[in-house]
N, C-alpha and C. Protein backbone atom coordinates (compact mmCIF):
# COMPACT_ATOMS: atom_id res chain seq x y z
N MET A 1 -9.50 -11.73 -13.75
CA MET A 1 -9.69 -10.33 -13.37
C MET A 1 -10.43 -10.19 -12.04
N SER A 2 -11.08 -11.22 -11.57
CA SER A 2 -11.84 -11.07 -10.34
C SER A 2 -10.94 -10.77 -9.14
N LYS A 3 -9.69 -11.28 -9.15
CA LYS A 3 -8.78 -10.98 -8.05
C LYS A 3 -8.33 -9.52 -8.10
N ILE A 4 -8.13 -9.00 -9.31
CA ILE A 4 -7.76 -7.59 -9.45
C ILE A 4 -8.89 -6.70 -8.94
N GLU A 5 -10.11 -7.04 -9.32
CA GLU A 5 -11.26 -6.25 -8.85
C GLU A 5 -11.40 -6.34 -7.33
N ALA A 6 -11.21 -7.52 -6.78
CA ALA A 6 -11.29 -7.68 -5.32
C ALA A 6 -10.21 -6.85 -4.63
N LEU A 7 -9.01 -6.83 -5.19
CA LEU A 7 -7.93 -6.02 -4.63
C LEU A 7 -8.27 -4.53 -4.72
N HIS A 8 -8.81 -4.13 -5.85
CA HIS A 8 -9.22 -2.74 -6.05
C HIS A 8 -10.24 -2.32 -4.99
N VAL A 9 -11.21 -3.17 -4.75
CA VAL A 9 -12.24 -2.88 -3.74
C VAL A 9 -11.61 -2.73 -2.36
N LYS A 10 -10.69 -3.62 -2.02
CA LYS A 10 -10.06 -3.58 -0.69
C LYS A 10 -9.16 -2.36 -0.52
N ILE A 11 -8.46 -1.97 -1.58
CA ILE A 11 -7.63 -0.77 -1.49
C ILE A 11 -8.50 0.47 -1.30
N LYS A 12 -9.65 0.51 -1.98
CA LYS A 12 -10.58 1.63 -1.76
C LYS A 12 -11.12 1.61 -0.33
N GLU A 13 -11.39 0.42 0.21
CA GLU A 13 -11.85 0.32 1.60
C GLU A 13 -10.77 0.83 2.56
N LEU A 14 -9.52 0.48 2.27
CA LEU A 14 -8.42 0.96 3.12
C LEU A 14 -8.33 2.48 3.04
N ALA A 15 -8.41 3.02 1.84
CA ALA A 15 -8.34 4.48 1.67
C ALA A 15 -9.48 5.17 2.42
N ALA A 16 -10.64 4.55 2.46
CA ALA A 16 -11.78 5.14 3.17
C ALA A 16 -11.63 4.99 4.69
N ALA A 17 -10.99 3.92 5.14
CA ALA A 17 -10.87 3.66 6.58
C ALA A 17 -9.77 4.49 7.24
N LEU A 18 -8.72 4.81 6.51
CA LEU A 18 -7.59 5.50 7.13
C LEU A 18 -7.95 6.85 7.74
N PRO A 19 -8.73 7.71 7.07
CA PRO A 19 -9.06 9.00 7.70
C PRO A 19 -9.86 8.87 8.99
N GLY A 20 -10.54 7.76 9.19
CA GLY A 20 -11.34 7.56 10.40
C GLY A 20 -10.54 7.04 11.59
N ASP A 21 -9.28 6.74 11.38
CA ASP A 21 -8.42 6.22 12.44
C ASP A 21 -7.47 7.34 12.88
N SER A 22 -7.58 7.75 14.12
CA SER A 22 -6.81 8.90 14.59
C SER A 22 -5.30 8.67 14.54
N ALA A 23 -4.86 7.44 14.60
CA ALA A 23 -3.42 7.15 14.57
C ALA A 23 -2.91 6.90 13.15
N ALA A 24 -3.78 6.91 12.18
CA ALA A 24 -3.40 6.50 10.83
C ALA A 24 -2.40 7.43 10.16
N ALA A 25 -2.58 8.73 10.28
CA ALA A 25 -1.69 9.66 9.57
C ALA A 25 -0.24 9.46 9.99
N VAL A 26 0.00 9.39 11.28
CA VAL A 26 1.36 9.19 11.78
C VAL A 26 1.88 7.82 11.38
N THR A 27 1.01 6.83 11.41
CA THR A 27 1.42 5.46 11.08
C THR A 27 1.74 5.32 9.60
N VAL A 28 0.96 5.96 8.74
CA VAL A 28 1.24 5.93 7.30
C VAL A 28 2.57 6.62 7.03
N GLN A 29 2.82 7.74 7.69
CA GLN A 29 4.11 8.42 7.51
C GLN A 29 5.26 7.52 7.96
N ALA A 30 5.07 6.82 9.06
CA ALA A 30 6.11 5.89 9.53
C ALA A 30 6.28 4.74 8.54
N ALA A 31 5.18 4.26 7.98
CA ALA A 31 5.24 3.17 7.01
C ALA A 31 6.00 3.59 5.76
N GLN A 32 5.87 4.84 5.38
CA GLN A 32 6.59 5.33 4.21
C GLN A 32 8.11 5.23 4.40
N GLY A 33 8.56 5.34 5.61
CA GLY A 33 9.98 5.25 5.89
C GLY A 33 10.45 3.88 6.33
N ASN A 34 9.51 2.97 6.59
CA ASN A 34 9.88 1.67 7.16
C ASN A 34 9.42 0.48 6.34
N THR A 35 8.97 0.71 5.12
CA THR A 35 8.57 -0.40 4.26
C THR A 35 9.36 -0.36 2.96
N LYS A 36 9.35 -1.45 2.25
CA LYS A 36 10.13 -1.59 1.02
C LYS A 36 9.68 -0.57 -0.01
N ALA A 37 10.61 0.30 -0.42
CA ALA A 37 10.36 1.25 -1.50
C ALA A 37 11.28 0.87 -2.66
N TYR A 38 10.96 1.38 -3.83
CA TYR A 38 11.70 0.99 -5.02
C TYR A 38 12.44 2.19 -5.60
N ILE A 39 12.82 2.12 -6.85
CA ILE A 39 13.58 3.22 -7.48
C ILE A 39 12.83 4.54 -7.30
N TYR A 40 11.53 4.51 -7.54
CA TYR A 40 10.69 5.66 -7.21
C TYR A 40 10.30 5.48 -5.75
N GLU A 41 10.83 6.31 -4.88
CA GLU A 41 10.65 6.11 -3.45
C GLU A 41 9.20 6.20 -2.99
N SER A 42 8.32 6.72 -3.84
CA SER A 42 6.91 6.79 -3.48
C SER A 42 6.18 5.48 -3.80
N ASP A 43 6.86 4.55 -4.44
CA ASP A 43 6.29 3.22 -4.72
C ASP A 43 6.74 2.25 -3.64
N HIS A 44 5.77 1.69 -2.94
CA HIS A 44 6.06 0.76 -1.85
C HIS A 44 5.48 -0.61 -2.16
N ASP A 45 6.16 -1.63 -1.69
CA ASP A 45 5.62 -2.98 -1.82
C ASP A 45 4.27 -3.01 -1.08
N LEU A 46 3.22 -3.38 -1.79
CA LEU A 46 1.86 -3.32 -1.23
C LEU A 46 1.73 -4.21 0.00
N TYR A 47 2.22 -5.43 -0.08
CA TYR A 47 2.12 -6.36 1.04
C TYR A 47 2.89 -5.82 2.25
N ASP A 48 4.12 -5.38 2.03
CA ASP A 48 4.95 -4.87 3.12
C ASP A 48 4.30 -3.64 3.77
N PHE A 49 3.77 -2.74 2.94
CA PHE A 49 3.10 -1.54 3.44
C PHE A 49 1.89 -1.93 4.30
N CYS A 50 1.07 -2.84 3.78
CA CYS A 50 -0.12 -3.29 4.54
C CYS A 50 0.27 -4.04 5.81
N SER A 51 1.34 -4.82 5.74
CA SER A 51 1.80 -5.54 6.92
C SER A 51 2.18 -4.57 8.04
N TYR A 52 2.87 -3.50 7.67
CA TYR A 52 3.25 -2.49 8.66
C TYR A 52 2.00 -1.88 9.31
N LEU A 53 1.04 -1.46 8.47
CA LEU A 53 -0.19 -0.87 9.00
C LEU A 53 -0.95 -1.88 9.86
N ASN A 54 -0.97 -3.13 9.41
CA ASN A 54 -1.68 -4.19 10.12
C ASN A 54 -1.12 -4.39 11.53
N GLN A 55 0.19 -4.27 11.68
CA GLN A 55 0.83 -4.47 12.98
C GLN A 55 0.65 -3.27 13.91
N LYS A 56 0.44 -2.09 13.33
CA LYS A 56 0.41 -0.86 14.13
C LYS A 56 -0.99 -0.32 14.42
N LEU A 57 -1.96 -0.67 13.57
CA LEU A 57 -3.32 -0.13 13.72
C LEU A 57 -4.30 -1.26 14.01
N ALA A 58 -5.49 -0.88 14.45
CA ALA A 58 -6.51 -1.87 14.82
C ALA A 58 -7.78 -1.63 14.01
N GLY A 59 -8.81 -2.36 14.34
CA GLY A 59 -10.14 -2.15 13.76
C GLY A 59 -10.21 -2.43 12.28
N THR A 60 -10.93 -1.57 11.58
CA THR A 60 -11.17 -1.76 10.15
C THR A 60 -9.87 -1.77 9.36
N VAL A 61 -8.94 -0.89 9.70
CA VAL A 61 -7.67 -0.84 8.97
C VAL A 61 -6.94 -2.18 9.11
N GLN A 62 -6.90 -2.72 10.29
CA GLN A 62 -6.23 -3.99 10.51
C GLN A 62 -6.91 -5.11 9.72
N THR A 63 -8.23 -5.13 9.72
CA THR A 63 -8.97 -6.15 8.98
C THR A 63 -8.71 -6.05 7.48
N VAL A 64 -8.83 -4.85 6.94
CA VAL A 64 -8.68 -4.67 5.49
C VAL A 64 -7.24 -4.92 5.04
N THR A 65 -6.26 -4.49 5.82
CA THR A 65 -4.88 -4.75 5.42
C THR A 65 -4.59 -6.25 5.42
N GLY A 66 -5.17 -6.96 6.36
CA GLY A 66 -5.02 -8.43 6.37
C GLY A 66 -5.63 -9.06 5.12
N GLU A 67 -6.78 -8.55 4.73
CA GLU A 67 -7.44 -9.06 3.52
C GLU A 67 -6.62 -8.74 2.26
N ILE A 68 -6.02 -7.56 2.23
CA ILE A 68 -5.17 -7.19 1.09
C ILE A 68 -3.95 -8.12 1.02
N MET A 69 -3.32 -8.38 2.15
CA MET A 69 -2.16 -9.27 2.16
C MET A 69 -2.52 -10.66 1.66
N THR A 70 -3.69 -11.16 2.06
CA THR A 70 -4.14 -12.47 1.59
C THR A 70 -4.36 -12.45 0.08
N LEU A 71 -4.98 -11.39 -0.43
CA LEU A 71 -5.20 -11.28 -1.88
C LEU A 71 -3.87 -11.24 -2.64
N VAL A 72 -2.91 -10.49 -2.13
CA VAL A 72 -1.60 -10.43 -2.80
C VAL A 72 -0.97 -11.82 -2.81
N ASP A 73 -1.00 -12.51 -1.69
CA ASP A 73 -0.46 -13.88 -1.63
C ASP A 73 -1.13 -14.78 -2.66
N ASP A 74 -2.45 -14.63 -2.82
CA ASP A 74 -3.21 -15.50 -3.73
C ASP A 74 -3.03 -15.15 -5.20
N MET A 75 -2.67 -13.91 -5.50
CA MET A 75 -2.67 -13.51 -6.91
C MET A 75 -1.28 -13.43 -7.55
N VAL A 76 -0.25 -13.23 -6.78
CA VAL A 76 1.09 -13.14 -7.36
C VAL A 76 1.65 -14.55 -7.47
N ILE A 77 1.88 -14.98 -8.71
CA ILE A 77 2.36 -16.35 -8.92
C ILE A 77 3.86 -16.42 -9.16
N ALA A 78 4.47 -15.30 -9.50
CA ALA A 78 5.92 -15.25 -9.69
C ALA A 78 6.40 -13.84 -9.34
N ASN A 79 7.57 -13.78 -8.75
CA ASN A 79 8.11 -12.49 -8.34
C ASN A 79 9.62 -12.59 -8.43
N LYS A 80 10.21 -11.74 -9.22
CA LYS A 80 11.67 -11.72 -9.35
C LYS A 80 12.17 -10.33 -9.00
N THR A 81 13.23 -10.30 -8.22
CA THR A 81 13.82 -9.03 -7.82
C THR A 81 15.28 -8.99 -8.23
N ASN A 82 15.87 -7.84 -8.11
CA ASN A 82 17.30 -7.72 -8.37
C ASN A 82 18.06 -8.58 -7.37
N PRO A 83 19.21 -9.12 -7.77
CA PRO A 83 19.97 -9.99 -6.86
C PRO A 83 20.35 -9.33 -5.54
N ASP A 84 20.55 -8.02 -5.54
CA ASP A 84 20.94 -7.35 -4.31
C ASP A 84 19.76 -6.85 -3.49
N ALA A 85 18.55 -7.08 -3.97
CA ALA A 85 17.36 -6.61 -3.26
C ALA A 85 17.02 -7.53 -2.09
N ASP A 86 16.35 -6.98 -1.11
CA ASP A 86 15.87 -7.77 0.02
C ASP A 86 14.62 -8.52 -0.42
N ALA A 87 14.80 -9.74 -0.86
CA ALA A 87 13.71 -10.51 -1.45
C ALA A 87 12.56 -10.74 -0.47
N GLY A 88 12.84 -10.76 0.82
CA GLY A 88 11.80 -11.03 1.79
C GLY A 88 10.72 -9.96 1.87
N SER A 89 11.04 -8.74 1.45
CA SER A 89 10.04 -7.69 1.52
C SER A 89 9.48 -7.32 0.15
N ASN A 90 9.76 -8.14 -0.85
CA ASN A 90 9.21 -7.95 -2.20
C ASN A 90 8.15 -9.01 -2.45
N HIS A 91 6.94 -8.56 -2.69
CA HIS A 91 5.83 -9.50 -2.86
C HIS A 91 5.15 -9.40 -4.21
N GLY A 92 5.66 -8.57 -5.12
CA GLY A 92 5.17 -8.58 -6.49
C GLY A 92 4.23 -7.47 -6.90
N LEU A 93 3.73 -6.67 -5.97
CA LEU A 93 2.85 -5.55 -6.31
C LEU A 93 3.27 -4.33 -5.51
N ALA A 94 3.26 -3.18 -6.17
CA ALA A 94 3.61 -1.93 -5.49
C ALA A 94 2.41 -0.99 -5.48
N ILE A 95 2.44 -0.06 -4.55
CA ILE A 95 1.40 0.95 -4.45
C ILE A 95 2.06 2.32 -4.33
N TYR A 96 1.46 3.31 -4.96
CA TYR A 96 1.96 4.69 -4.94
C TYR A 96 1.48 5.37 -3.67
N VAL A 97 2.42 5.69 -2.77
CA VAL A 97 2.10 6.38 -1.52
C VAL A 97 3.15 7.47 -1.32
N PRO A 98 2.96 8.62 -1.97
CA PRO A 98 3.98 9.67 -1.91
C PRO A 98 3.97 10.43 -0.58
N LYS A 99 5.17 10.85 -0.18
CA LYS A 99 5.29 11.79 0.93
C LYS A 99 4.96 13.18 0.37
N ALA A 100 4.75 14.13 1.25
CA ALA A 100 4.39 15.48 0.82
C ALA A 100 5.43 16.07 -0.12
N ASP A 101 6.71 15.78 0.12
CA ASP A 101 7.75 16.35 -0.74
C ASP A 101 7.97 15.57 -2.04
N GLN A 102 7.18 14.50 -2.25
CA GLN A 102 7.30 13.70 -3.47
C GLN A 102 6.15 13.96 -4.44
N THR A 103 5.32 14.92 -4.13
CA THR A 103 4.18 15.25 -5.00
C THR A 103 3.88 16.73 -4.86
N ASN A 104 2.84 17.17 -5.55
CA ASN A 104 2.42 18.57 -5.44
C ASN A 104 0.91 18.64 -5.64
N ASN A 105 0.35 19.81 -5.42
CA ASN A 105 -1.11 19.96 -5.51
C ASN A 105 -1.64 19.65 -6.91
N GLU A 106 -0.88 20.00 -7.94
CA GLU A 106 -1.31 19.71 -9.32
C GLU A 106 -1.41 18.20 -9.54
N ASP A 107 -0.39 17.45 -9.12
CA ASP A 107 -0.44 15.99 -9.25
C ASP A 107 -1.63 15.42 -8.49
N LEU A 108 -1.81 15.89 -7.26
CA LEU A 108 -2.90 15.36 -6.44
C LEU A 108 -4.26 15.68 -7.04
N SER A 109 -4.42 16.85 -7.63
CA SER A 109 -5.70 17.20 -8.25
C SER A 109 -5.98 16.31 -9.47
N GLN A 110 -4.91 15.93 -10.18
CA GLN A 110 -5.10 15.03 -11.33
C GLN A 110 -5.48 13.62 -10.85
N TYR A 111 -4.90 13.16 -9.76
CA TYR A 111 -5.28 11.85 -9.21
C TYR A 111 -6.73 11.87 -8.72
N ALA A 112 -7.17 13.02 -8.22
CA ALA A 112 -8.52 13.11 -7.67
C ALA A 112 -9.61 12.87 -8.73
N VAL A 113 -9.30 13.13 -9.99
CA VAL A 113 -10.33 12.97 -11.04
C VAL A 113 -10.29 11.60 -11.69
N LEU A 114 -9.34 10.74 -11.28
CA LEU A 114 -9.32 9.39 -11.84
C LEU A 114 -10.56 8.62 -11.40
N ALA A 115 -11.06 7.82 -12.29
CA ALA A 115 -12.22 6.98 -11.94
C ALA A 115 -11.78 5.88 -11.01
N LEU A 116 -12.41 5.83 -9.86
CA LEU A 116 -12.09 4.77 -8.90
C LEU A 116 -13.25 3.82 -8.89
């Protein structure tokens, strides 16, 4: 469980760092359209999503996304995808990153009360 906790900490660090980066909002929106998404289009491959941010942003965001990618590499021991899927962008963990039209204020208010 220590790797899960470490990943949790890094994802919270990323969430805290993004609002402080002036280019982050546009870059996150671009990442939503340019990274591996699944049947639920708001679910993105965590490694692929972080890789995109890592290549486009600097500073704390770049550092933390690199650390997240390393953690994903270290913790996923097996990954199977559909035969027609692009296996190169599937790394075994997904993250929920909805676009504005994929969520609503009620959903977001419910996420806000989750214990982080």
